[in-house]
Amino acid sequence: MTILVGWPGVLDVTGAVLILLGALLCLVAAIGLVRLPDVLNRMHAASKPQTLGLVLLCIGLALILRTTQASLMLTLAGMLQLVTAPVATQVMGRSAYRTRQHEQSLIVQDET
């Protein structure tokens, strides 16, 4: 068994832990998309844990690869995910609400 000593070993272990956490969050998001009952509930599973999971995966890969090109590409992928996922889920939720394709019993107060 090889013992990891020094900063490269610490970065590798930290990167592996972040990749594992990111993969688990993406799995939770996928399970939420299948199990949640309503479009308005599913949009949270589609954006929040999935976005955080991808960002953790990108950070973990950047720590393991430690090259400038990979870090820039992973930063770009993470930033695009942070920008596009909330906008897409907002549009999805608004269209589901306006077309009445959600469970009415789950809405507490309708402010429209």
N, C-alpha and C. Protein backbone atom coordinates (compact mmCIF):
# COMPACT_ATOMS: atom_id res chain seq x y z
N MET A 1 0.84 -1.18 0.00
CA MET A 1 0.00 0.00 0.00
C MET A 1 0.88 1.23 0.00
N THR A 2 0.60 2.15 -0.89
CA THR A 2 1.39 3.37 -1.01
C THR A 2 0.80 4.43 -0.09
N ILE A 3 1.66 5.08 0.67
CA ILE A 3 1.24 6.16 1.54
C ILE A 3 1.50 7.47 0.81
N LEU A 4 0.45 8.29 0.72
CA LEU A 4 0.57 9.57 0.04
C LEU A 4 1.16 10.59 1.00
N VAL A 5 2.30 11.15 0.63
CA VAL A 5 2.99 12.09 1.49
C VAL A 5 3.15 13.40 0.74
N GLY A 6 2.94 14.52 1.42
CA GLY A 6 3.15 15.83 0.81
C GLY A 6 1.88 16.39 0.20
N TRP A 7 2.02 17.60 -0.37
CA TRP A 7 0.89 18.30 -0.95
C TRP A 7 0.24 17.56 -2.11
N PRO A 8 0.99 16.93 -3.02
CA PRO A 8 0.30 16.20 -4.10
C PRO A 8 -0.62 15.11 -3.57
N GLY A 9 -0.21 14.43 -2.53
CA GLY A 9 -1.06 13.39 -1.94
C GLY A 9 -2.30 13.97 -1.30
N VAL A 10 -2.14 15.08 -0.60
CA VAL A 10 -3.28 15.73 0.04
C VAL A 10 -4.27 16.23 -1.02
N LEU A 11 -3.75 16.81 -2.10
CA LEU A 11 -4.61 17.30 -3.17
C LEU A 11 -5.34 16.15 -3.87
N ASP A 12 -4.67 15.01 -4.04
CA ASP A 12 -5.31 13.87 -4.67
C ASP A 12 -6.44 13.32 -3.80
N VAL A 13 -6.20 13.21 -2.51
CA VAL A 13 -7.24 12.70 -1.61
C VAL A 13 -8.41 13.68 -1.53
N THR A 14 -8.12 14.97 -1.42
CA THR A 14 -9.18 15.98 -1.38
C THR A 14 -9.98 15.97 -2.68
N GLY A 15 -9.30 15.86 -3.80
CA GLY A 15 -9.99 15.79 -5.09
C GLY A 15 -10.87 14.56 -5.20
N ALA A 16 -10.39 13.42 -4.71
CA ALA A 16 -11.19 12.20 -4.76
C ALA A 16 -12.43 12.31 -3.88
N VAL A 17 -12.29 12.92 -2.72
CA VAL A 17 -13.44 13.11 -1.82
C VAL A 17 -14.46 14.05 -2.47
N LEU A 18 -13.99 15.13 -3.09
CA LEU A 18 -14.91 16.06 -3.75
C LEU A 18 -15.62 15.40 -4.94
N ILE A 19 -14.91 14.57 -5.67
CA ILE A 19 -15.54 13.86 -6.79
C ILE A 19 -16.60 12.90 -6.27
N LEU A 20 -16.31 12.21 -5.18
CA LEU A 20 -17.29 11.29 -4.59
C LEU A 20 -18.53 12.05 -4.10
N LEU A 21 -18.32 13.18 -3.42
CA LEU A 21 -19.45 13.98 -2.96
C LEU A 21 -20.28 14.53 -4.13
N GLY A 22 -19.60 14.99 -5.16
CA GLY A 22 -20.29 15.48 -6.35
C GLY A 22 -21.11 14.40 -7.03
N ALA A 23 -20.55 13.20 -7.13
CA ALA A 23 -21.28 12.10 -7.74
C ALA A 23 -22.50 11.71 -6.91
N LEU A 24 -22.36 11.75 -5.59
CA LEU A 24 -23.49 11.43 -4.72
C LEU A 24 -24.60 12.48 -4.85
N LEU A 25 -24.23 13.75 -4.95
CA LEU A 25 -25.23 14.80 -5.14
C LEU A 25 -25.94 14.66 -6.48
N CYS A 26 -25.20 14.30 -7.52
CA CYS A 26 -25.84 14.08 -8.83
C CYS A 26 -26.78 12.88 -8.77
N LEU A 27 -26.42 11.86 -8.01
CA LEU A 27 -27.30 10.70 -7.83
C LEU A 27 -28.57 11.10 -7.09
N VAL A 28 -28.43 11.92 -6.04
CA VAL A 28 -29.60 12.40 -5.31
C VAL A 28 -30.51 13.21 -6.23
N ALA A 29 -29.93 14.03 -7.10
CA ALA A 29 -30.73 14.81 -8.04
C ALA A 29 -31.48 13.89 -9.01
N ALA A 30 -30.84 12.86 -9.49
CA ALA A 30 -31.50 11.93 -10.41
C ALA A 30 -32.63 11.18 -9.71
N ILE A 31 -32.42 10.76 -8.49
CA ILE A 31 -33.48 10.09 -7.73
C ILE A 31 -34.63 11.05 -7.47
N GLY A 32 -34.32 12.30 -7.17
CA GLY A 32 -35.36 13.30 -6.96
C GLY A 32 -36.19 13.55 -8.19
N LEU A 33 -35.58 13.53 -9.35
CA LEU A 33 -36.34 13.72 -10.59
C LEU A 33 -37.33 12.59 -10.83
N VAL A 34 -36.97 11.40 -10.39
CA VAL A 34 -37.84 10.25 -10.60
C VAL A 34 -38.91 10.16 -9.51
N ARG A 35 -38.54 10.46 -8.27
CA ARG A 35 -39.43 10.20 -7.14
C ARG A 35 -40.37 11.35 -6.76
N LEU A 36 -40.01 12.57 -7.03
CA LEU A 36 -40.84 13.68 -6.59
C LEU A 36 -42.12 13.75 -7.41
N PRO A 37 -43.24 14.16 -6.78
CA PRO A 37 -44.54 14.01 -7.43
C PRO A 37 -44.94 15.10 -8.41
N ASP A 38 -44.30 16.25 -8.37
CA ASP A 38 -44.83 17.40 -9.08
C ASP A 38 -43.71 18.11 -9.84
N VAL A 39 -44.08 18.83 -10.89
CA VAL A 39 -43.09 19.58 -11.67
C VAL A 39 -42.42 20.64 -10.81
N LEU A 40 -43.19 21.31 -9.97
CA LEU A 40 -42.61 22.35 -9.13
C LEU A 40 -41.64 21.79 -8.09
N ASN A 41 -41.84 20.57 -7.65
CA ASN A 41 -40.88 19.92 -6.76
C ASN A 41 -39.67 19.40 -7.52
N ARG A 42 -39.92 18.89 -8.71
CA ARG A 42 -38.82 18.32 -9.50
C ARG A 42 -37.83 19.38 -9.97
N MET A 43 -38.30 20.61 -10.14
CA MET A 43 -37.37 21.62 -10.62
C MET A 43 -36.29 21.92 -9.59
N HIS A 44 -36.58 21.72 -8.30
CA HIS A 44 -35.54 21.88 -7.29
C HIS A 44 -34.49 20.77 -7.41
N ALA A 45 -34.96 19.54 -7.63
CA ALA A 45 -34.03 18.43 -7.79
C ALA A 45 -33.22 18.56 -9.08
N ALA A 46 -33.78 19.23 -10.07
CA ALA A 46 -33.07 19.39 -11.33
C ALA A 46 -32.00 20.46 -11.26
N SER A 47 -32.11 21.39 -10.31
CA SER A 47 -31.15 22.48 -10.31
C SER A 47 -30.20 22.47 -9.12
N LYS A 48 -30.72 22.40 -7.92
CA LYS A 48 -29.87 22.64 -6.76
C LYS A 48 -28.83 21.55 -6.50
N PRO A 49 -29.21 20.30 -6.23
CA PRO A 49 -28.16 19.32 -5.95
C PRO A 49 -27.33 18.96 -7.20
N GLN A 50 -27.96 19.03 -8.36
CA GLN A 50 -27.24 18.71 -9.58
C GLN A 50 -26.17 19.75 -9.87
N THR A 51 -26.50 21.02 -9.67
CA THR A 51 -25.53 22.09 -9.92
C THR A 51 -24.37 22.01 -8.93
N LEU A 52 -24.69 21.85 -7.65
CA LEU A 52 -23.64 21.72 -6.65
C LEU A 52 -22.79 20.48 -6.89
N GLY A 53 -23.43 19.39 -7.31
CA GLY A 53 -22.68 18.16 -7.60
C GLY A 53 -21.70 18.35 -8.74
N LEU A 54 -22.13 19.03 -9.80
CA LEU A 54 -21.22 19.26 -10.92
C LEU A 54 -20.08 20.19 -10.54
N VAL A 55 -20.37 21.22 -9.73
CA VAL A 55 -19.31 22.13 -9.29
C VAL A 55 -18.29 21.39 -8.43
N LEU A 56 -18.77 20.52 -7.54
CA LEU A 56 -17.84 19.73 -6.72
C LEU A 56 -17.01 18.78 -7.59
N LEU A 57 -17.63 18.19 -8.59
CA LEU A 57 -16.88 17.34 -9.53
C LEU A 57 -15.79 18.13 -10.25
N CYS A 58 -16.12 19.33 -10.69
CA CYS A 58 -15.15 20.17 -11.40
C CYS A 58 -13.99 20.56 -10.49
N ILE A 59 -14.29 20.93 -9.26
CA ILE A 59 -13.23 21.30 -8.32
C ILE A 59 -12.35 20.09 -8.02
N GLY A 60 -12.97 18.94 -7.80
CA GLY A 60 -12.19 17.72 -7.54
C GLY A 60 -11.29 17.34 -8.70
N LEU A 61 -11.80 17.44 -9.91
CA LEU A 61 -10.98 17.13 -11.09
C LEU A 61 -9.84 18.13 -11.25
N ALA A 62 -10.12 19.40 -10.97
CA ALA A 62 -9.05 20.41 -11.07
C ALA A 62 -7.95 20.14 -10.04
N LEU A 63 -8.33 19.68 -8.85
CA LEU A 63 -7.31 19.36 -7.84
C LEU A 63 -6.48 18.14 -8.23
N ILE A 64 -7.11 17.19 -8.90
CA ILE A 64 -6.37 15.98 -9.29
C ILE A 64 -5.52 16.23 -10.53
N LEU A 65 -6.06 16.92 -11.53
CA LEU A 65 -5.32 17.11 -12.79
C LEU A 65 -4.21 18.15 -12.66
N ARG A 66 -4.48 19.26 -11.98
CA ARG A 66 -3.51 20.32 -11.70
C ARG A 66 -2.81 20.87 -12.95
N THR A 67 -3.57 21.05 -14.03
CA THR A 67 -3.03 21.72 -15.21
C THR A 67 -3.87 22.97 -15.47
N THR A 68 -3.26 23.94 -16.11
CA THR A 68 -3.95 25.20 -16.36
C THR A 68 -5.11 25.02 -17.34
N GLN A 69 -4.87 24.26 -18.41
CA GLN A 69 -5.91 24.07 -19.41
C GLN A 69 -7.12 23.35 -18.81
N ALA A 70 -6.88 22.32 -18.04
CA ALA A 70 -7.98 21.57 -17.43
C ALA A 70 -8.73 22.44 -16.43
N SER A 71 -8.01 23.21 -15.65
CA SER A 71 -8.65 24.08 -14.66
C SER A 71 -9.51 25.15 -15.32
N LEU A 72 -9.02 25.72 -16.41
CA LEU A 72 -9.81 26.72 -17.12
C LEU A 72 -11.07 26.11 -17.74
N MET A 73 -10.94 24.94 -18.32
CA MET A 73 -12.09 24.27 -18.93
C MET A 73 -13.11 23.87 -17.86
N LEU A 74 -12.65 23.37 -16.74
CA LEU A 74 -13.55 22.98 -15.66
C LEU A 74 -14.22 24.20 -15.03
N THR A 75 -13.49 25.30 -14.93
CA THR A 75 -14.09 26.54 -14.41
C THR A 75 -15.17 27.04 -15.36
N LEU A 76 -14.92 26.97 -16.66
CA LEU A 76 -15.91 27.37 -17.64
C LEU A 76 -17.16 26.49 -17.55
N ALA A 77 -16.97 25.19 -17.43
CA ALA A 77 -18.11 24.27 -17.32
C ALA A 77 -18.92 24.55 -16.06
N GLY A 78 -18.24 24.79 -14.95
CA GLY A 78 -18.94 25.09 -13.70
C GLY A 78 -19.70 26.41 -13.76
N MET A 79 -19.08 27.43 -14.35
CA MET A 79 -19.75 28.73 -14.46
C MET A 79 -20.97 28.65 -15.38
N LEU A 80 -20.85 27.94 -16.49
CA LEU A 80 -22.01 27.78 -17.37
C LEU A 80 -23.14 27.02 -16.69
N GLN A 81 -22.79 26.04 -15.88
CA GLN A 81 -23.81 25.30 -15.14
C GLN A 81 -24.50 26.20 -14.12
N LEU A 82 -23.73 27.04 -13.44
CA LEU A 82 -24.30 27.95 -12.44
C LEU A 82 -25.22 28.99 -13.08
N VAL A 83 -24.95 29.35 -14.33
CA VAL A 83 -25.77 30.35 -15.01
C VAL A 83 -27.01 29.73 -15.65
N THR A 84 -26.87 28.59 -16.28
CA THR A 84 -27.97 28.05 -17.08
C THR A 84 -28.97 27.22 -16.28
N ALA A 85 -28.57 26.48 -15.28
CA ALA A 85 -29.50 25.59 -14.57
C ALA A 85 -30.60 26.36 -13.83
N PRO A 86 -30.29 27.42 -13.08
CA PRO A 86 -31.39 28.15 -12.43
C PRO A 86 -32.35 28.81 -13.42
N VAL A 87 -31.84 29.31 -14.52
CA VAL A 87 -32.70 29.94 -15.52
C VAL A 87 -33.62 28.89 -16.15
N ALA A 88 -33.08 27.74 -16.48
CA ALA A 88 -33.89 26.69 -17.09
C ALA A 88 -34.97 26.19 -16.15
N THR A 89 -34.67 26.01 -14.88
CA THR A 89 -35.68 25.54 -13.95
C THR A 89 -36.73 26.62 -13.67
N GLN A 90 -36.33 27.88 -13.67
CA GLN A 90 -37.30 28.97 -13.50
C GLN A 90 -38.30 28.98 -14.65
N VAL A 91 -37.81 28.84 -15.87
CA VAL A 91 -38.69 28.83 -17.05
C VAL A 91 -39.58 27.59 -17.02
N MET A 92 -39.02 26.45 -16.63
CA MET A 92 -39.81 25.23 -16.54
C MET A 92 -40.91 25.36 -15.49
N GLY A 93 -40.59 25.91 -14.34
CA GLY A 93 -41.59 26.08 -13.30
C GLY A 93 -42.67 27.07 -13.69
N ARG A 94 -42.29 28.15 -14.32
CA ARG A 94 -43.27 29.15 -14.73
C ARG A 94 -44.21 28.60 -15.80
N SER A 95 -43.67 27.87 -16.77
CA SER A 95 -44.53 27.32 -17.81
C SER A 95 -45.45 26.23 -17.25
N ALA A 96 -44.97 25.43 -16.31
CA ALA A 96 -45.83 24.42 -15.69
C ALA A 96 -46.94 25.07 -14.87
N TYR A 97 -46.63 26.15 -14.20
CA TYR A 97 -47.63 26.85 -13.40
C TYR A 97 -48.68 27.52 -14.28
N ARG A 98 -48.24 28.16 -15.34
CA ARG A 98 -49.18 28.88 -16.20
C ARG A 98 -50.08 27.95 -17.00
N THR A 99 -49.59 26.78 -17.34
CA THR A 99 -50.41 25.82 -18.09
C THR A 99 -51.15 24.86 -17.16
N ARG A 100 -51.07 25.09 -15.85
CA ARG A 100 -51.78 24.29 -14.84
C ARG A 100 -51.39 22.82 -14.89
N GLN A 101 -50.12 22.54 -15.12
CA GLN A 101 -49.64 21.16 -15.14
C GLN A 101 -48.93 20.82 -13.84
N HIS A 102 -49.50 21.27 -12.74
CA HIS A 102 -48.96 20.97 -11.42
C HIS A 102 -50.12 20.58 -10.51
N GLU A 103 -49.78 20.02 -9.37
CA GLU A 103 -50.83 19.63 -8.42
C GLU A 103 -51.34 20.87 -7.70
N GLN A 104 -52.62 21.14 -7.86
CA GLN A 104 -53.21 22.32 -7.24
C GLN A 104 -53.22 22.22 -5.72
N SER A 105 -53.28 21.00 -5.19
CA SER A 105 -53.35 20.84 -3.74
C SER A 105 -52.03 21.22 -3.05
N LEU A 106 -50.94 21.27 -3.77
CA LEU A 106 -49.65 21.62 -3.18
C LEU A 106 -49.41 23.12 -3.12
N ILE A 107 -50.21 23.91 -3.83
CA ILE A 107 -50.06 25.36 -3.83
C ILE A 107 -50.79 25.93 -2.62
N VAL A 108 -50.06 26.64 -1.77
CA VAL A 108 -50.65 27.19 -0.55
C VAL A 108 -51.33 28.52 -0.85
N GLN A 109 -50.64 29.42 -1.55
CA GLN A 109 -51.18 30.74 -1.83
C GLN A 109 -50.87 31.09 -3.28
N ASP A 110 -51.90 31.47 -4.00
CA ASP A 110 -51.73 31.86 -5.40
C ASP A 110 -51.76 33.38 -5.47
N GLU A 111 -50.63 33.98 -5.83
CA GLU A 111 -50.51 35.44 -5.83
C GLU A 111 -50.71 36.06 -7.20
N THR A 112 -51.21 35.31 -8.18
CA THR A 112 -51.40 35.89 -9.51
C THR A 112 -52.77 36.47 -9.70
